[in-house]
Amino acid sequence: MSQTAAESESWLYRLPISEACASFLRTLVVALFLLTFVLQPLFIPSESMEHTLLVGDFLLFNKQVFAPPDALARHLLPYRDVQRGDIVVFHHSHPALLIKRVIGLPGDRVRIANGTVFINDAPLPEPYATFEPAPPNAVRDEFPAAIYTDPEVDPDWWRQMQHLSRGGELRVPAGEYFVLGDNRNHSSDSRYWGFVPRQAIIARPLLIYFSLRRPSTTDVRKAPDDRLGHDSGLWNRLAGFARWDRIFHVVH
């Protein structure tokens, strides 16, 4: 074989490898961009957002939608400000992240009477809220409470709450948000530790990309069929360890 033919044959063998490497690098760059600016995985460890989010849900959340207004990525991807009803991911204590639903916006007057949320004197429709059985709690069900009765309430927040409350209502300051868990009787939220600053909000969940079946300590709803049976087959084990019907479920 001549040198020219050998060089051509060598080039032909190298071409698919070069294309594969280039394709891999392009995929890697796109993946790194998405993970850095847009998407990030998150695992739900507690019941505070039942039944919107369940223990064992794995989420992808959008880090760009609530990005600071001067962020470079804002000019490349959609941006909007936080709205009432949004589920948000935020820094609560470094490096901890929490996920709750925004109920009160800056300037709102918030109160809770017998578990019902009122915003600016009007009851807030909340089809997402769940009320699993729990002992009565004045701080939780009647807010803002007039008497300090729950050791779970942060003392600094209690003093701030008294300063901001007028006529049985709490006014949300500028740049702050009042958040609650959907599982109202089993959620540590703004009732217990205060507002969420705007700069602490970093993302909103997009969808559930996987969901492990995990027991809930607060959900007392009876299963459709509680008859005992055998569950030793491979298919039953595969079907039972995950909530397959929640995969790619969009979060609202």
C-alpha atoms as a PDB file:
ATOM      1  CA  MET A   1       0.000   0.000   0.000  1.00  0.00           C
ATOM      2  CA  SER A   2       1.338   3.449  -0.921  1.00  0.00           C
ATOM      3  CA  GLN A   3       2.059   6.073   1.722  1.00  0.00           C
ATOM      4  CA  THR A   4      -0.794   8.254   0.440  1.00  0.00           C
ATOM      5  CA  ALA A   5      -3.288   5.394   0.637  1.00  0.00           C
ATOM      6  CA  ALA A   6      -2.081   4.474   4.121  1.00  0.00           C
ATOM      7  CA  GLU A   7      -2.441   8.062   5.300  1.00  0.00           C
ATOM      8  CA  SER A   8      -5.983   8.228   3.865  1.00  0.00           C
ATOM      9  CA  GLU A   9      -6.949   4.972   5.529  1.00  0.00           C
ATOM     10  CA  SER A  10      -5.485   6.172   8.843  1.00  0.00           C
ATOM     11  CA  TRP A  11      -7.448   9.412   8.553  1.00  0.00           C
ATOM     12  CA  LEU A  12     -10.656   7.486   7.899  1.00  0.00           C
ATOM     13  CA  TYR A  13     -10.115   5.413  11.036  1.00  0.00           C
ATOM     14  CA  ARG A  14      -9.396   8.516  13.092  1.00  0.00           C
ATOM     15  CA  LEU A  15     -12.424  10.480  11.864  1.00  0.00           C
ATOM     16  CA  PRO A  16     -15.153   8.636  13.832  1.00  0.00           C
ATOM     17  CA  ILE A  17     -13.104   8.901  17.031  1.00  0.00           C
ATOM     18  CA  SER A  18     -12.607  12.629  16.517  1.00  0.00           C
ATOM     19  CA  GLU A  19     -16.298  13.137  15.832  1.00  0.00           C
ATOM     20  CA  ALA A  20     -17.223  11.078  18.895  1.00  0.00           C
ATOM     21  CA  CYS A  21     -14.890  13.166  21.062  1.00  0.00           C
ATOM     22  CA  ALA A  22     -16.283  16.395  19.655  1.00  0.00           C
ATOM     23  CA  SER A  23     -19.836  15.198  20.226  1.00  0.00           C
ATOM     24  CA  PHE A  24     -18.984  14.181  23.799  1.00  0.00           C
ATOM     25  CA  LEU A  25     -17.389  17.565  24.488  1.00  0.00           C
ATOM     26  CA  ARG A  26     -20.420  19.395  23.099  1.00  0.00           C
ATOM     27  CA  THR A  27     -22.717  17.307  25.291  1.00  0.00           C
ATOM     28  CA  LEU A  28     -20.499  17.932  28.302  1.00  0.00           C
ATOM     29  CA  VAL A  29     -20.480  21.687  27.724  1.00  0.00           C
ATOM     30  CA  VAL A  30     -24.279  21.779  27.390  1.00  0.00           C
ATOM     31  CA  ALA A  31     -24.700  19.619  30.510  1.00  0.00           C
ATOM     32  CA  LEU A  32     -22.340  21.828  32.526  1.00  0.00           C
ATOM     33  CA  PHE A  33     -24.164  24.945  31.341  1.00  0.00           C
ATOM     34  CA  LEU A  34     -27.538  23.521  32.332  1.00  0.00           C
ATOM     35  CA  LEU A  35     -26.317  22.360  35.733  1.00  0.00           C
ATOM     36  CA  THR A  36     -24.558  25.670  36.405  1.00  0.00           C
ATOM     37  CA  PHE A  37     -27.221  28.116  35.256  1.00  0.00           C
ATOM     38  CA  VAL A  38     -30.518  26.259  34.864  1.00  0.00           C
ATOM     39  CA  LEU A  39     -31.006  22.798  36.332  1.00  0.00           C
ATOM     40  CA  GLN A  40     -29.942  21.099  39.537  1.00  0.00           C
ATOM     41  CA  PRO A  41     -31.188  17.922  41.227  1.00  0.00           C
ATOM     42  CA  LEU A  42     -32.868  18.014  44.621  1.00  0.00           C
ATOM     43  CA  PHE A  43     -34.131  15.253  46.931  1.00  0.00           C
ATOM     44  CA  ILE A  44     -37.221  15.677  49.129  1.00  0.00           C
ATOM     45  CA  PRO A  45     -36.405  14.343  52.627  1.00  0.00           C
ATOM     46  CA  SER A  46     -39.502  15.355  54.640  1.00  0.00           C
ATOM     47  CA  GLU A  47     -43.296  15.473  54.535  1.00  0.00           C
ATOM     48  CA  SER A  48     -43.703  19.258  54.796  1.00  0.00           C
ATOM     49  CA  MET A  49     -44.851  19.632  51.156  1.00  0.00           C
ATOM     50  CA  GLU A  50     -47.231  16.667  50.976  1.00  0.00           C
ATOM     51  CA  HIS A  51     -49.077  15.941  48.815  1.00  0.00           C
ATOM     52  CA  THR A  52     -47.536  18.179  46.195  1.00  0.00           C
ATOM     53  CA  LEU A  53     -44.087  16.719  46.871  1.00  0.00           C
ATOM     54  CA  LEU A  54     -43.530  13.380  48.584  1.00  0.00           C
ATOM     55  CA  VAL A  55     -40.660  11.973  50.589  1.00  0.00           C
ATOM     56  CA  GLY A  56     -38.402  10.273  48.061  1.00  0.00           C
ATOM     57  CA  ASP A  57     -39.147  12.594  45.125  1.00  0.00           C
ATOM     58  CA  PHE A  58     -36.108  13.667  43.093  1.00  0.00           C
ATOM     59  CA  LEU A  59     -36.544  17.064  41.453  1.00  0.00           C
ATOM     60  CA  LEU A  60     -34.928  19.103  38.766  1.00  0.00           C
ATOM     61  CA  PHE A  61     -35.206  22.769  39.632  1.00  0.00           C
ATOM     62  CA  ASN A  62     -34.682  25.893  37.574  1.00  0.00           C
ATOM     63  CA  LYS A  63     -31.955  28.112  39.000  1.00  0.00           C
ATOM     64  CA  GLN A  64     -32.337  30.793  36.344  1.00  0.00           C
ATOM     65  CA  VAL A  65     -35.990  31.818  36.586  1.00  0.00           C
ATOM     66  CA  PHE A  66     -35.440  33.814  39.808  1.00  0.00           C
ATOM     67  CA  ALA A  67     -31.859  34.871  39.071  1.00  0.00           C
ATOM     68  CA  PRO A  68     -30.826  38.376  40.202  1.00  0.00           C
ATOM     69  CA  PRO A  69     -31.853  41.013  37.635  1.00  0.00           C
ATOM     70  CA  ASP A  70     -28.253  41.865  36.770  1.00  0.00           C
ATOM     71  CA  ALA A  71     -27.195  38.259  36.132  1.00  0.00           C
ATOM     72  CA  LEU A  72     -25.669  37.663  32.723  1.00  0.00           C
ATOM     73  CA  ALA A  73     -27.788  34.564  32.169  1.00  0.00           C
ATOM     74  CA  ARG A  74     -30.957  36.645  32.475  1.00  0.00           C
ATOM     75  CA  HIS A  75     -30.307  37.958  28.979  1.00  0.00           C
ATOM     76  CA  LEU A  76     -30.085  34.405  27.656  1.00  0.00           C
ATOM     77  CA  LEU A  77     -32.935  32.648  29.485  1.00  0.00           C
ATOM     78  CA  PRO A  78     -36.452  33.557  30.710  1.00  0.00           C
ATOM     79  CA  TYR A  79     -36.668  35.432  34.012  1.00  0.00           C
ATOM     80  CA  ARG A  80     -39.564  36.549  36.219  1.00  0.00           C
ATOM     81  CA  ASP A  81     -40.025  37.669  39.780  1.00  0.00           C
ATOM     82  CA  VAL A  82     -41.463  35.586  42.588  1.00  0.00           C
ATOM     83  CA  GLN A  83     -45.260  35.256  42.570  1.00  0.00           C
ATOM     84  CA  ARG A  84     -47.800  34.134  45.114  1.00  0.00           C
ATOM     85  CA  GLY A  85     -48.306  30.383  44.919  1.00  0.00           C
ATOM     86  CA  ASP A  86     -44.793  29.692  43.616  1.00  0.00           C
ATOM     87  CA  ILE A  87     -42.941  26.766  45.146  1.00  0.00           C
ATOM     88  CA  VAL A  88     -39.449  28.071  45.807  1.00  0.00           C
ATOM     89  CA  VAL A  89     -36.072  26.682  46.836  1.00  0.00           C
ATOM     90  CA  PHE A  90     -34.147  28.966  49.188  1.00  0.00           C
ATOM     91  CA  HIS A  91     -31.238  29.162  51.604  1.00  0.00           C
ATOM     92  CA  HIS A  92     -32.470  28.975  55.167  1.00  0.00           C
ATOM     93  CA  SER A  93     -29.215  28.460  57.054  1.00  0.00           C
ATOM     94  CA  HIS A  94     -25.987  27.958  55.161  1.00  0.00           C
ATOM     95  CA  PRO A  95     -25.632  25.582  53.436  1.00  0.00           C
ATOM     96  CA  ALA A  96     -29.146  24.188  54.051  1.00  0.00           C
ATOM     97  CA  LEU A  97     -31.803  24.483  51.356  1.00  0.00           C
ATOM     98  CA  LEU A  98     -35.545  24.422  52.035  1.00  0.00           C
ATOM     99  CA  ILE A  99     -38.532  24.204  49.718  1.00  0.00           C
ATOM    100  CA  LYS A 100     -41.867  25.879  50.545  1.00  0.00           C
ATOM    101  CA  ARG A 101     -44.724  27.715  48.858  1.00  0.00           C
ATOM    102  CA  VAL A 102     -44.879  31.514  48.709  1.00  0.00           C
ATOM    103  CA  ILE A 103     -48.031  32.781  50.426  1.00  0.00           C
ATOM    104  CA  GLY A 104     -47.317  36.405  51.336  1.00  0.00           C
ATOM    105  CA  LEU A 105     -45.645  38.959  49.062  1.00  0.00           C
ATOM    106  CA  PRO A 106     -43.948  42.207  50.138  1.00  0.00           C
ATOM    107  CA  GLY A 107     -46.591  44.602  51.459  1.00  0.00           C
ATOM    108  CA  ASP A 108     -49.216  41.898  52.085  1.00  0.00           C
ATOM    109  CA  ARG A 109     -51.123  41.641  55.335  1.00  0.00           C
ATOM    110  CA  VAL A 110     -51.211  37.997  56.449  1.00  0.00           C
ATOM    111  CA  ARG A 111     -53.245  36.213  59.089  1.00  0.00           C
ATOM    112  CA  ILE A 112     -54.361  32.642  59.696  1.00  0.00           C
ATOM    113  CA  ALA A 113     -57.664  31.915  61.442  1.00  0.00           C
ATOM    114  CA  ASN A 114     -58.573  28.329  62.279  1.00  0.00           C
ATOM    115  CA  GLY A 115     -56.093  27.146  59.662  1.00  0.00           C
ATOM    116  CA  THR A 116     -57.456  29.383  56.865  1.00  0.00           C
ATOM    117  CA  VAL A 117     -55.015  31.878  55.336  1.00  0.00           C
ATOM    118  CA  PHE A 118     -56.216  35.440  54.765  1.00  0.00           C
ATOM    119  CA  ILE A 119     -54.275  37.841  52.548  1.00  0.00           C
ATOM    120  CA  ASN A 120     -55.311  41.485  52.808  1.00  0.00           C
ATOM    121  CA  ASP A 121     -58.576  40.426  54.510  1.00  0.00           C
ATOM    122  CA  ALA A 122     -59.534  37.949  51.756  1.00  0.00           C
ATOM    123  CA  PRO A 123     -59.383  34.140  52.229  1.00  0.00           C
ATOM    124  CA  LEU A 124     -56.735  32.582  50.008  1.00  0.00           C
ATOM    125  CA  PRO A 125     -57.907  29.666  47.814  1.00  0.00           C
ATOM    126  CA  GLU A 126     -55.459  26.835  48.472  1.00  0.00           C
ATOM    127  CA  PRO A 127     -56.323  23.596  46.641  1.00  0.00           C
ATOM    128  CA  TYR A 128     -52.779  22.365  47.304  1.00  0.00           C
ATOM    129  CA  ALA A 129     -52.986  22.586  51.116  1.00  0.00           C
ATOM    130  CA  THR A 130     -53.226  19.372  53.153  1.00  0.00           C
ATOM    131  CA  PHE A 131     -54.330  19.132  56.780  1.00  0.00           C
ATOM    132  CA  GLU A 132     -53.231  15.818  58.245  1.00  0.00           C
ATOM    133  CA  PRO A 133     -54.461  15.177  61.807  1.00  0.00           C
ATOM    134  CA  ALA A 134     -52.400  16.862  64.525  1.00  0.00           C
ATOM    135  CA  PRO A 135     -52.986  18.177  68.051  1.00  0.00           C
ATOM    136  CA  PRO A 136     -54.283  21.776  68.260  1.00  0.00           C
ATOM    137  CA  ASN A 137     -51.585  24.430  68.112  1.00  0.00           C
ATOM    138  CA  ALA A 138     -52.331  28.145  68.532  1.00  0.00           C
ATOM    139  CA  VAL A 139     -49.140  29.272  66.782  1.00  0.00           C
ATOM    140  CA  ARG A 140     -49.854  27.063  63.791  1.00  0.00           C
ATOM    141  CA  ASP A 141     -53.613  27.549  63.408  1.00  0.00           C
ATOM    142  CA  GLU A 142     -54.075  31.136  64.656  1.00  0.00           C
ATOM    143  CA  PHE A 143     -51.415  33.457  63.285  1.00  0.00           C
ATOM    144  CA  PRO A 144     -49.954  35.774  64.387  1.00  0.00           C
ATOM    145  CA  ALA A 145     -50.412  34.372  67.869  1.00  0.00           C
ATOM    146  CA  ALA A 146     -50.756  36.760  70.780  1.00  0.00           C
ATOM    147  CA  ILE A 147     -49.021  34.521  73.328  1.00  0.00           C
ATOM    148  CA  TYR A 148     -45.715  32.676  73.037  1.00  0.00           C
ATOM    149  CA  THR A 149     -46.795  29.053  73.577  1.00  0.00           C
ATOM    150  CA  ASP A 150     -44.592  26.927  71.311  1.00  0.00           C
ATOM    151  CA  PRO A 151     -40.869  26.343  71.988  1.00  0.00           C
ATOM    152  CA  GLU A 152     -40.406  25.579  68.288  1.00  0.00           C
ATOM    153  CA  VAL A 153     -40.917  29.264  67.498  1.00  0.00           C
ATOM    154  CA  ASP A 154     -37.649  31.145  67.130  1.00  0.00           C
ATOM    155  CA  PRO A 155     -37.449  33.765  69.948  1.00  0.00           C
ATOM    156  CA  ASP A 156     -35.968  36.436  67.660  1.00  0.00           C
ATOM    157  CA  TRP A 157     -38.770  35.855  65.173  1.00  0.00           C
ATOM    158  CA  TRP A 158     -41.340  36.090  67.947  1.00  0.00           C
ATOM    159  CA  ARG A 159     -40.082  39.554  68.923  1.00  0.00           C
ATOM    160  CA  GLN A 160     -39.991  40.686  65.285  1.00  0.00           C
ATOM    161  CA  MET A 161     -43.485  39.311  64.701  1.00  0.00           C
ATOM    162  CA  GLN A 162     -44.894  41.358  67.592  1.00  0.00           C
ATOM    163  CA  HIS A 163     -43.313  44.489  66.140  1.00  0.00           C
ATOM    164  CA  LEU A 164     -44.763  43.879  62.650  1.00  0.00           C
ATOM    165  CA  SER A 165     -48.250  42.798  63.738  1.00  0.00           C
ATOM    166  CA  ARG A 166     -51.171  45.200  63.825  1.00  0.00           C
ATOM    167  CA  GLY A 167     -54.829  44.335  64.398  1.00  0.00           C
ATOM    168  CA  GLY A 168     -54.179  40.599  64.328  1.00  0.00           C
ATOM    169  CA  GLU A 169     -52.346  40.771  60.987  1.00  0.00           C
ATOM    170  CA  LEU A 170     -48.689  40.513  60.032  1.00  0.00           C
ATOM    171  CA  ARG A 171     -47.378  42.876  57.364  1.00  0.00           C
ATOM    172  CA  VAL A 172     -44.704  41.455  55.075  1.00  0.00           C
ATOM    173  CA  PRO A 173     -41.782  43.918  54.751  1.00  0.00           C
ATOM    174  CA  ALA A 174     -40.260  44.979  51.451  1.00  0.00           C
ATOM    175  CA  GLY A 175     -37.912  42.389  49.977  1.00  0.00           C
ATOM    176  CA  GLU A 176     -39.312  39.576  52.168  1.00  0.00           C
ATOM    177  CA  TYR A 177     -41.692  36.662  51.576  1.00  0.00           C
ATOM    178  CA  PHE A 178     -43.979  34.640  53.846  1.00  0.00           C
ATOM    179  CA  VAL A 179     -43.813  30.916  53.019  1.00  0.00           C
ATOM    180  CA  LEU A 180     -45.721  27.842  54.198  1.00  0.00           C
ATOM    181  CA  GLY A 181     -45.483  24.114  53.606  1.00  0.00           C
ATOM    182  CA  ASP A 182     -48.439  22.491  51.855  1.00  0.00           C
ATOM    183  CA  ASN A 183     -48.681  19.952  54.689  1.00  0.00           C
ATOM    184  CA  ARG A 184     -49.867  22.681  57.048  1.00  0.00           C
ATOM    185  CA  ASN A 185     -50.003  20.738  60.302  1.00  0.00           C
ATOM    186  CA  HIS A 186     -46.536  19.254  59.831  1.00  0.00           C
ATOM    187  CA  SER A 187     -44.352  22.019  58.436  1.00  0.00           C
ATOM    188  CA  SER A 188     -41.736  24.263  59.993  1.00  0.00           C
ATOM    189  CA  ASP A 189     -42.093  27.479  57.998  1.00  0.00           C
ATOM    190  CA  SER A 190     -42.583  31.248  58.293  1.00  0.00           C
ATOM    191  CA  ARG A 191     -44.936  30.771  61.220  1.00  0.00           C
ATOM    192  CA  TYR A 192     -42.002  29.439  63.233  1.00  0.00           C
ATOM    193  CA  TRP A 193     -38.877  31.203  61.974  1.00  0.00           C
ATOM    194  CA  GLY A 194     -39.867  34.195  59.880  1.00  0.00           C
ATOM    195  CA  PHE A 195     -39.620  35.615  56.393  1.00  0.00           C
ATOM    196  CA  VAL A 196     -37.492  34.545  53.451  1.00  0.00           C
ATOM    197  CA  PRO A 197     -35.358  37.364  51.985  1.00  0.00           C
ATOM    198  CA  ARG A 198     -35.570  37.768  48.221  1.00  0.00           C
ATOM    199  CA  GLN A 199     -31.845  37.191  47.841  1.00  0.00           C
ATOM    200  CA  ALA A 200     -32.163  33.799  49.568  1.00  0.00           C
ATOM    201  CA  ILE A 201     -34.550  32.458  46.905  1.00  0.00           C
ATOM    202  CA  ILE A 202     -32.533  30.641  44.271  1.00  0.00           C
ATOM    203  CA  ALA A 203     -34.842  28.415  42.214  1.00  0.00           C
ATOM    204  CA  ARG A 204     -38.214  26.816  41.580  1.00  0.00           C
ATOM    205  CA  PRO A 205     -38.815  23.079  40.953  1.00  0.00           C
ATOM    206  CA  LEU A 206     -39.556  22.008  37.392  1.00  0.00           C
ATOM    207  CA  LEU A 207     -40.382  18.325  37.441  1.00  0.00           C
ATOM    208  CA  ILE A 208     -39.970  15.054  39.296  1.00  0.00           C
ATOM    209  CA  TYR A 209     -37.448  12.943  37.408  1.00  0.00           C
ATOM    210  CA  PHE A 210     -37.597   9.984  39.814  1.00  0.00           C
ATOM    211  CA  SER A 211     -39.432   9.040  42.990  1.00  0.00           C
ATOM    212  CA  LEU A 212     -38.453   6.386  45.502  1.00  0.00           C
ATOM    213  CA  ARG A 213     -41.305   4.919  47.478  1.00  0.00           C
ATOM    214  CA  ARG A 214     -40.724   6.067  51.049  1.00  0.00           C
ATOM    215  CA  PRO A 215     -43.102   5.885  54.033  1.00  0.00           C
ATOM    216  CA  SER A 216     -44.721   9.059  55.305  1.00  0.00           C
ATOM    217  CA  THR A 217     -45.072   9.697  59.015  1.00  0.00           C
ATOM    218  CA  THR A 218     -47.932  12.176  58.569  1.00  0.00           C
ATOM    219  CA  ASP A 219     -50.081  10.822  55.745  1.00  0.00           C
ATOM    220  CA  VAL A 220     -52.914   8.876  57.366  1.00  0.00           C
ATOM    221  CA  ARG A 221     -54.994   8.398  54.222  1.00  0.00           C
ATOM    222  CA  LYS A 222     -55.962   4.750  53.886  1.00  0.00           C
ATOM    223  CA  ALA A 223     -54.616   2.865  50.894  1.00  0.00           C
ATOM    224  CA  PRO A 224     -57.233   1.710  48.330  1.00  0.00           C
ATOM    225  CA  ASP A 225     -56.511  -1.920  49.148  1.00  0.00           C
ATOM    226  CA  ASP A 226     -55.017  -2.956  52.468  1.00  0.00           C
ATOM    227  CA  ARG A 227     -55.310  -6.721  52.055  1.00  0.00           C
ATOM    228  CA  LEU A 228     -52.230  -8.732  52.880  1.00  0.00           C
ATOM    229  CA  GLY A 229     -50.483 -10.547  50.057  1.00  0.00           C
ATOM    230  CA  HIS A 230     -47.214 -11.956  48.778  1.00  0.00           C
ATOM    231  CA  ASP A 231     -44.732  -9.535  47.260  1.00  0.00           C
ATOM    232  CA  SER A 232     -41.729 -11.718  46.579  1.00  0.00           C
ATOM    233  CA  GLY A 233     -41.730 -11.704  42.786  1.00  0.00           C
ATOM    234  CA  LEU A 234     -39.069  -9.782  40.898  1.00  0.00           C
ATOM    235  CA  TRP A 235     -41.639  -7.697  39.061  1.00  0.00           C
ATOM    236  CA  ASN A 236     -43.397  -6.737  42.282  1.00  0.00           C
ATOM    237  CA  ARG A 237     -40.095  -5.708  43.826  1.00  0.00           C
ATOM    238  CA  LEU A 238     -39.204  -3.615  40.787  1.00  0.00           C
ATOM    239  CA  ALA A 239     -42.642  -2.035  40.658  1.00  0.00           C
ATOM    240  CA  GLY A 240     -42.751  -1.402  44.395  1.00  0.00           C
ATOM    241  CA  PHE A 241     -39.486   0.412  45.087  1.00  0.00           C
ATOM    242  CA  ALA A 242     -40.390   3.497  43.022  1.00  0.00           C
ATOM    243  CA  ARG A 243     -43.441   5.638  42.272  1.00  0.00           C
ATOM    244  CA  TRP A 244     -43.316   5.195  38.518  1.00  0.00           C
ATOM    245  CA  ASP A 245     -46.411   7.316  37.907  1.00  0.00           C
ATOM    246  CA  ARG A 246     -44.645  10.395  39.340  1.00  0.00           C
ATOM    247  CA  ILE A 247     -41.691  10.315  36.941  1.00  0.00           C
ATOM    248  CA  PHE A 248     -41.648  13.420  34.690  1.00  0.00           C
ATOM    249  CA  HIS A 249     -44.521  14.886  36.710  1.00  0.00           C
ATOM    250  CA  VAL A 250     -44.460  18.693  36.388  1.00  0.00           C
ATOM    251  CA  VAL A 251     -44.456  20.462  39.761  1.00  0.00           C
ATOM    252  CA  HIS A 252     -47.088  23.164  40.394  1.00  0.00           C
END
